[in-house]
Amino acid sequence: MGSDMGPAEVVAGVALALKSGWVHDQIIVVGQEEVLREQLSAQGLADNPQVEEFYTTEVIGMHEKPIQSLRSKKDASLVRAVELVKQGRCGAAVSCGNTGSLMACSTLKLRPIEGVSKPALASVWPSVENKFVVLDVGANPQCRPENLLHYAILGNQYARDALGIGKPRVGLLSIGTEEGKGTDLTNQAHSLLKGLGEQINYVGLVEGFQLFNNEVDVVVTDGFTGNVILKTCESLWKMLKTLITEEVKKNPVRLTGALLLKGGLTSARNRLDPKKYGGAPLLGLRGTVLKAHGSSNREAIANAIRIAGTAIEHELASHTVSAIAAANETLGEELAATGDIEPTV
């Protein structure tokens, strides 16, 4: 119910996911009865045995405050979807509604995994040859070293179980790759990550120019830095599309050349299209939640459902619990010895 493009596009995404064979069991569509019935009928899903309807009476708007909205709208579709995961009726929830409300609801209802103090919001980006996960991209602007340690484990497990990357290369974002070059936060987190040994494939400190060169599969940073990078890249992508379009249209010769290059340009655009990579997972909770972009079209919704199904099939939730417990056991004394970090913002 929270999509910028309306419930029709979300239900169309459900239909696309079913048609593509990405839903192996059932999908529960949560929302207002009259709207759901109309849209499911329009997509030919009214009598589909793989689709179950769960009716709610309220909707949380995009600009509502998280905690206030959760208190005043207990029967909102977003809230009920997360509760279905908590009850065990669903293995994962996918929503393109209010980000703050979804994060707050998921954290309050599902609770963090034992040993994880702060969940992280991750994002999947394309690189030259593959894709990589960045976390945190906005859930926690201020972090401690143990938070970054846990983000590395969460991202590593997500890359393995949801994205199918066999041995993810995990890097910690900094301003240089040399030992000691960075903030107290990155230096202490770097020391902790090295102490994990073979529990993850930690490749060390990485710089911004390495991210898109297929040198790393999981990039770990605090939520302030990650959110700045995310929005900067989104803005750059929009600017490049506008700039190329304007320059191509300036004269007939360029336009003719663009037509000759149309296939290649379309292929490149598809490789860079964020809709292929589904939703942004909220990691570190006792359940799987994916946040799709508010402007997601049916393809993006379908891909978010696909990734959620893969995470369920590969038992992401239980594997993550085990990985966090093993890391905390390995680094018990080191974790206790980490010092206080002065806020950087």
Protein backbone atom coordinates (compact mmCIF):
# COMPACT_ATOMS: atom_id res chain seq x y z
CA MET A 1 0.00 0.00 0.00
CA GLY A 2 2.96 2.37 0.45
CA SER A 3 4.30 2.39 -3.10
CA ASP A 4 4.75 5.73 -4.90
CA MET A 5 3.32 4.04 -8.01
CA GLY A 6 0.31 2.65 -6.17
CA PRO A 7 -0.87 -0.86 -5.23
CA ALA A 8 -1.48 -1.77 -8.88
CA GLU A 9 2.25 -1.76 -9.63
CA VAL A 10 3.03 -3.82 -6.52
CA VAL A 11 0.47 -6.49 -7.42
CA ALA A 12 1.83 -6.47 -10.98
CA GLY A 13 5.25 -7.20 -9.45
CA VAL A 14 3.74 -10.13 -7.55
CA ALA A 15 2.30 -11.44 -10.81
CA LEU A 16 5.69 -11.08 -12.54
CA ALA A 17 7.46 -12.93 -9.72
CA LEU A 18 4.95 -15.78 -9.95
CA LYS A 19 5.21 -15.93 -13.74
CA SER A 20 9.02 -16.03 -13.48
CA GLY A 21 8.88 -18.97 -11.08
CA TRP A 22 10.45 -17.04 -8.21
CA VAL A 23 7.76 -17.91 -5.66
CA HIS A 24 8.15 -21.58 -4.73
CA ASP A 25 5.61 -21.65 -1.93
CA GLN A 26 3.09 -18.90 -1.20
CA ILE A 27 3.05 -15.13 -1.11
CA ILE A 28 0.78 -13.23 1.25
CA VAL A 29 -0.35 -9.88 -0.16
CA VAL A 30 -1.14 -7.43 2.64
CA GLY A 31 -3.38 -4.39 2.25
CA GLN A 32 -6.89 -2.96 2.18
CA GLU A 33 -9.52 -5.46 1.07
CA GLU A 34 -11.25 -3.46 -1.67
CA VAL A 35 -7.94 -2.45 -3.26
CA LEU A 36 -6.42 -5.93 -3.10
CA ARG A 37 -9.45 -7.67 -4.56
CA GLU A 38 -9.57 -5.25 -7.47
CA GLN A 39 -5.86 -5.44 -8.30
CA LEU A 40 -5.54 -9.22 -7.86
CA SER A 41 -8.50 -9.69 -10.17
CA ALA A 42 -6.95 -7.33 -12.74
CA GLN A 43 -3.76 -9.44 -12.74
CA GLY A 44 -5.63 -12.76 -12.91
CA LEU A 45 -4.49 -13.75 -9.42
CA ALA A 46 -7.84 -13.82 -7.63
CA ASP A 47 -7.99 -17.63 -7.56
CA ASN A 48 -4.27 -18.38 -7.66
CA PRO A 49 -3.47 -20.98 -4.94
CA GLN A 50 -0.03 -19.41 -4.41
CA VAL A 51 -1.53 -16.07 -3.40
CA GLU A 52 -3.11 -15.45 0.00
CA GLU A 53 -4.81 -12.18 0.94
CA PHE A 54 -4.37 -10.53 4.34
CA TYR A 55 -6.60 -7.52 4.87
CA THR A 56 -5.76 -4.41 6.87
CA THR A 57 -7.58 -1.13 7.39
CA GLU A 58 -4.79 1.46 7.61
CA VAL A 59 -1.85 2.78 5.59
CA ILE A 60 1.27 4.62 6.84
CA GLY A 61 2.08 7.56 4.58
CA MET A 62 5.56 8.30 3.27
CA HIS A 63 5.99 11.45 5.37
CA GLU A 64 4.63 10.19 8.69
CA LYS A 65 6.98 10.02 11.69
CA PRO A 66 8.06 6.42 12.43
CA ILE A 67 7.20 5.96 16.12
CA GLN A 68 4.07 8.09 15.96
CA SER A 69 2.79 6.19 12.94
CA LEU A 70 3.35 2.82 14.63
CA ARG A 71 1.45 3.94 17.71
CA SER A 72 -1.51 5.41 15.84
CA LYS A 73 -1.83 2.84 13.03
CA LYS A 74 -1.48 -0.63 14.52
CA ASP A 75 -3.48 -2.15 11.65
CA ALA A 76 -1.31 -0.67 8.91
CA SER A 77 -0.26 -3.00 6.09
CA LEU A 78 3.43 -2.41 6.84
CA VAL A 79 2.98 -3.37 10.50
CA ARG A 80 0.95 -6.49 9.75
CA ALA A 81 3.45 -7.69 7.15
CA VAL A 82 6.28 -7.57 9.69
CA GLU A 83 4.08 -9.30 12.27
CA LEU A 84 3.53 -12.18 9.82
CA VAL A 85 7.30 -12.73 9.85
CA LYS A 86 7.38 -12.58 13.64
CA GLN A 87 4.57 -15.16 13.84
CA GLY A 88 6.42 -17.50 11.49
CA ARG A 89 3.74 -17.37 8.82
CA CYS A 90 6.20 -15.76 6.41
CA GLY A 91 9.92 -16.22 5.96
CA ALA A 92 10.43 -12.63 4.80
CA ALA A 93 8.62 -9.33 4.33
CA VAL A 94 9.01 -7.01 1.32
CA SER A 95 7.78 -3.42 1.49
CA CYS A 96 8.27 -0.20 -0.48
CA GLY A 97 6.58 1.91 2.19
CA ASN A 98 7.88 4.49 4.66
CA THR A 99 11.54 3.58 5.33
CA GLY A 100 11.70 4.97 8.86
CA SER A 101 8.47 3.26 9.90
CA LEU A 102 9.56 -0.05 8.37
CA MET A 103 12.92 0.06 10.14
CA ALA A 104 11.36 1.03 13.47
CA CYS A 105 8.60 -1.57 13.17
CA SER A 106 11.01 -4.34 12.16
CA THR A 107 13.41 -3.54 15.00
CA LEU A 108 10.64 -3.38 17.62
CA LYS A 109 8.70 -6.42 16.42
CA LEU A 110 11.49 -8.78 15.37
CA ARG A 111 14.25 -7.56 17.74
CA PRO A 112 17.98 -7.74 16.95
CA ILE A 113 19.83 -11.04 16.89
CA GLU A 114 21.49 -11.83 20.22
CA GLY A 115 24.87 -10.13 20.25
CA VAL A 116 23.92 -7.48 17.68
CA SER A 117 23.16 -4.07 19.19
CA LYS A 118 22.27 -2.26 15.96
CA PRO A 119 20.78 -3.67 12.73
CA ALA A 120 22.08 -2.34 9.41
CA LEU A 121 20.42 -1.28 6.18
CA ALA A 122 22.27 -2.74 3.20
CA SER A 123 22.22 -1.84 -0.48
CA VAL A 124 23.33 -3.86 -3.52
CA TRP A 125 25.23 -1.99 -6.25
CA PRO A 126 26.63 -3.04 -9.66
CA SER A 127 30.37 -3.18 -10.38
CA VAL A 128 32.34 -3.82 -13.58
CA GLU A 129 31.87 -7.59 -13.48
CA ASN A 130 29.57 -8.36 -10.59
CA LYS A 131 27.62 -6.73 -7.76
CA PHE A 132 28.54 -5.79 -4.21
CA VAL A 133 26.82 -5.06 -0.90
CA VAL A 134 27.29 -1.81 1.03
CA LEU A 135 26.24 -1.50 4.66
CA ASP A 136 25.23 0.46 6.62
CA VAL A 137 23.55 2.96 4.25
CA GLY A 138 21.56 4.91 6.79
CA ALA A 139 20.23 2.96 9.75
CA ASN A 140 22.93 4.10 12.22
CA PRO A 141 24.88 7.32 11.57
CA GLN A 142 27.10 6.80 14.64
CA CYS A 143 28.74 3.43 15.23
CA ARG A 144 31.17 1.66 17.51
CA PRO A 145 33.87 -0.80 16.33
CA GLU A 146 31.74 -3.84 17.25
CA ASN A 147 28.93 -2.49 15.07
CA LEU A 148 31.20 -2.47 12.02
CA LEU A 149 32.43 -5.96 12.93
CA HIS A 150 28.85 -7.21 13.00
CA TYR A 151 28.02 -5.40 9.74
CA ALA A 152 30.86 -7.29 8.07
CA ILE A 153 29.41 -10.61 9.24
CA LEU A 154 25.86 -9.63 8.29
CA GLY A 155 26.93 -8.47 4.84
CA ASN A 156 29.05 -11.56 4.31
CA GLN A 157 26.17 -13.88 5.14
CA TYR A 158 23.72 -11.93 2.98
CA ALA A 159 26.10 -12.03 0.02
CA ARG A 160 26.42 -15.80 0.44
CA ASP A 161 22.80 -16.78 1.10
CA ALA A 162 20.79 -14.17 -0.83
CA LEU A 163 23.14 -13.20 -3.68
CA GLY A 164 24.92 -16.52 -4.23
CA ILE A 165 28.49 -15.24 -3.83
CA GLY A 166 30.49 -18.25 -2.64
CA LYS A 167 33.34 -16.59 -0.73
CA PRO A 168 32.61 -12.86 -0.46
CA ARG A 169 35.54 -10.47 -0.23
CA VAL A 170 34.83 -8.15 2.71
CA GLY A 171 36.43 -4.71 2.90
CA LEU A 172 36.28 -1.88 5.43
CA LEU A 173 35.89 1.55 3.82
CA SER A 174 38.60 4.07 4.73
CA ILE A 175 40.68 6.90 3.23
CA GLY A 176 43.67 4.66 2.58
CA THR A 177 44.74 1.03 2.64
CA GLU A 178 47.77 1.52 4.90
CA GLU A 179 47.63 0.34 8.51
CA GLY A 180 46.59 3.13 10.87
CA LYS A 181 45.31 5.44 8.14
CA GLY A 182 41.79 6.33 9.13
CA THR A 183 39.70 7.23 12.16
CA ASP A 184 39.78 5.56 15.55
CA LEU A 185 36.57 3.82 14.53
CA THR A 186 38.00 2.26 11.36
CA ASN A 187 41.31 1.36 13.03
CA GLN A 188 39.66 -0.48 15.92
CA ALA A 189 37.14 -2.19 13.60
CA HIS A 190 40.01 -3.19 11.29
CA SER A 191 41.81 -4.84 14.21
CA LEU A 192 38.68 -6.76 15.19
CA LEU A 193 38.05 -7.95 11.64
CA LYS A 194 41.61 -9.24 11.29
CA GLY A 195 41.05 -11.23 14.48
CA LEU A 196 38.24 -13.26 12.87
CA GLY A 197 40.77 -15.27 10.90
CA GLU A 198 39.10 -17.55 8.38
CA GLN A 199 35.54 -16.94 9.61
CA ILE A 200 35.19 -14.35 6.82
CA ASN A 201 37.31 -13.47 3.80
CA TYR A 202 38.45 -10.08 5.06
CA VAL A 203 40.59 -8.28 2.44
CA GLY A 204 41.36 -5.26 4.64
CA LEU A 205 40.87 -1.52 4.19
CA VAL A 206 39.49 -0.33 0.87
CA GLU A 207 39.15 3.12 -0.68
CA GLY A 208 36.26 4.61 -2.60
CA PHE A 209 37.85 4.16 -6.04
CA GLN A 210 38.04 0.40 -5.49
CA LEU A 211 34.32 -0.14 -5.00
CA PHE A 212 33.25 -0.39 -8.64
CA ASN A 213 36.31 -2.29 -9.91
CA ASN A 214 35.23 -5.76 -8.75
CA GLU A 215 37.78 -5.75 -5.92
CA VAL A 216 35.32 -6.31 -3.07
CA ASP A 217 31.92 -8.00 -2.56
CA VAL A 218 30.95 -6.49 0.82
CA VAL A 219 31.78 -2.90 1.81
CA VAL A 220 31.46 -2.02 5.50
CA THR A 221 31.01 1.53 6.78
CA ASP A 222 28.98 3.59 9.26
CA GLY A 223 25.48 4.72 8.34
CA PHE A 224 26.43 8.39 7.90
CA THR A 225 29.16 7.68 5.35
CA GLY A 226 27.15 4.94 3.62
CA ASN A 227 24.09 7.15 3.19
CA VAL A 228 26.17 9.99 1.74
CA ILE A 229 27.78 7.59 -0.77
CA LEU A 230 24.42 6.09 -1.71
CA LYS A 231 22.73 9.42 -2.42
CA THR A 232 25.80 10.83 -4.19
CA CYS A 233 25.89 7.83 -6.55
CA GLU A 234 22.15 8.10 -7.22
CA SER A 235 22.54 11.80 -8.04
CA LEU A 236 25.56 11.13 -10.28
CA TRP A 237 23.65 8.44 -12.18
CA LYS A 238 20.73 10.80 -12.84
CA MET A 239 23.08 13.58 -13.91
CA LEU A 240 24.94 11.33 -16.36
CA LYS A 241 21.69 10.14 -17.97
CA THR A 242 20.50 13.73 -18.39
CA LEU A 243 23.86 14.94 -19.67
CA ILE A 244 24.23 12.16 -22.25
CA THR A 245 20.67 12.67 -23.50
CA GLU A 246 21.17 16.43 -23.89
CA GLU A 247 24.50 16.08 -25.72
CA VAL A 248 23.19 13.40 -28.08
CA LYS A 249 20.24 15.55 -29.12
CA LYS A 250 22.36 18.59 -29.98
CA ASN A 251 22.84 17.65 -33.63
CA PRO A 252 21.72 15.01 -36.17
CA VAL A 253 25.16 13.38 -36.47
CA ARG A 254 25.29 12.57 -32.76
CA LEU A 255 21.71 11.37 -32.84
CA THR A 256 22.52 9.02 -35.73
CA GLY A 257 25.53 7.69 -33.84
CA ALA A 258 23.38 7.13 -30.77
CA LEU A 259 20.91 5.12 -32.82
CA LEU A 260 23.77 2.93 -34.05
CA LEU A 261 24.89 2.47 -30.43
CA LYS A 262 21.37 1.91 -29.10
CA GLY A 263 21.89 -1.78 -28.36
CA GLY A 264 25.09 -1.19 -26.44
CA LEU A 265 23.67 1.78 -24.53
CA THR A 266 20.58 -0.22 -23.56
CA SER A 267 22.74 -3.12 -22.38
CA ALA A 268 24.91 -0.80 -20.28
CA ARG A 269 21.83 0.86 -18.78
CA ASN A 270 20.39 -2.52 -17.85
CA ARG A 271 23.62 -3.55 -16.14
CA LEU A 272 23.53 -0.37 -14.06
CA ASP A 273 19.80 -0.46 -13.36
CA PRO A 274 19.22 -0.74 -9.57
CA LYS A 275 15.87 -2.45 -10.21
CA LYS A 276 17.73 -5.66 -11.00
CA TYR A 277 19.06 -5.92 -7.46
CA GLY A 278 15.78 -5.92 -5.54
CA GLY A 279 15.27 -4.32 -2.15
CA ALA A 280 17.62 -3.11 0.54
CA PRO A 281 17.69 -5.69 3.35
CA LEU A 282 17.52 -4.70 7.01
CA LEU A 283 20.09 -7.08 8.47
CA GLY A 284 20.73 -8.18 12.04
CA LEU A 285 17.13 -8.92 13.05
CA ARG A 286 15.37 -12.16 13.97
CA GLY A 287 13.68 -12.23 10.60
CA THR A 288 14.23 -11.10 7.01
CA VAL A 289 12.90 -7.72 5.85
CA LEU A 290 13.60 -6.10 2.47
CA LYS A 291 12.94 -2.42 1.82
CA ALA A 292 12.18 -1.78 -1.85
CA HIS A 293 12.48 1.78 -3.12
CA GLY A 294 9.28 3.81 -2.92
CA SER A 295 9.36 4.35 -6.69
CA SER A 296 9.91 0.66 -7.49
CA ASN A 297 8.19 -0.56 -10.63
CA ARG A 298 6.89 -4.12 -11.13
CA GLU A 299 10.32 -5.41 -12.19
CA ALA A 300 11.93 -4.07 -9.03
CA ILE A 301 9.18 -5.53 -6.85
CA ALA A 302 9.52 -8.92 -8.54
CA ASN A 303 13.29 -8.91 -8.02
CA ALA A 304 12.87 -8.01 -4.34
CA ILE A 305 10.53 -11.00 -4.01
CA ARG A 306 13.10 -13.17 -5.82
CA ILE A 307 15.88 -12.20 -3.43
CA ALA A 308 13.61 -12.68 -0.40
CA GLY A 309 12.79 -16.19 -1.65
CA THR A 310 16.47 -17.00 -2.13
CA ALA A 311 17.25 -15.80 1.40
CA ILE A 312 14.51 -18.05 2.81
CA GLU A 313 15.62 -21.05 0.74
CA HIS A 314 19.24 -20.70 1.88
CA GLU A 315 18.26 -20.15 5.55
CA LEU A 316 19.83 -16.71 5.83
CA ALA A 317 18.28 -16.00 9.25
CA SER A 318 19.61 -19.09 11.04
CA HIS A 319 23.02 -18.90 9.36
CA THR A 320 23.38 -15.27 10.46
CA VAL A 321 22.62 -16.14 14.09
CA SER A 322 25.33 -18.82 14.04
CA ALA A 323 27.89 -16.53 12.37
CA ILE A 324 27.35 -13.71 14.87
CA ALA A 325 27.62 -16.09 17.83
CA ALA A 326 30.86 -17.58 16.49
CA ALA A 327 32.42 -14.13 15.94
CA ASN A 328 31.45 -12.88 19.39
CA GLU A 329 32.92 -16.01 20.96
CA THR A 330 36.16 -15.65 19.01
CA LEU A 331 36.60 -11.97 19.87
CA GLY A 332 35.15 -11.87 23.37
CA GLU A 333 38.10 -10.17 25.09
CA GLU A 334 38.93 -7.94 22.12
CA LEU A 335 35.34 -6.71 21.90
CA ALA A 336 35.33 -5.82 25.58
CA ALA A 337 38.57 -3.90 25.18
CA THR A 338 37.44 -1.58 22.38
CA GLY A 339 37.55 2.04 23.48
CA ASP A 340 35.00 4.81 23.28
CA ILE A 341 34.81 6.57 19.94
CA GLU A 342 34.29 10.31 19.68
CA PRO A 343 31.35 11.10 17.35
CA THR A 344 32.55 12.22 13.93
CA VAL A 345 29.33 14.10 13.07
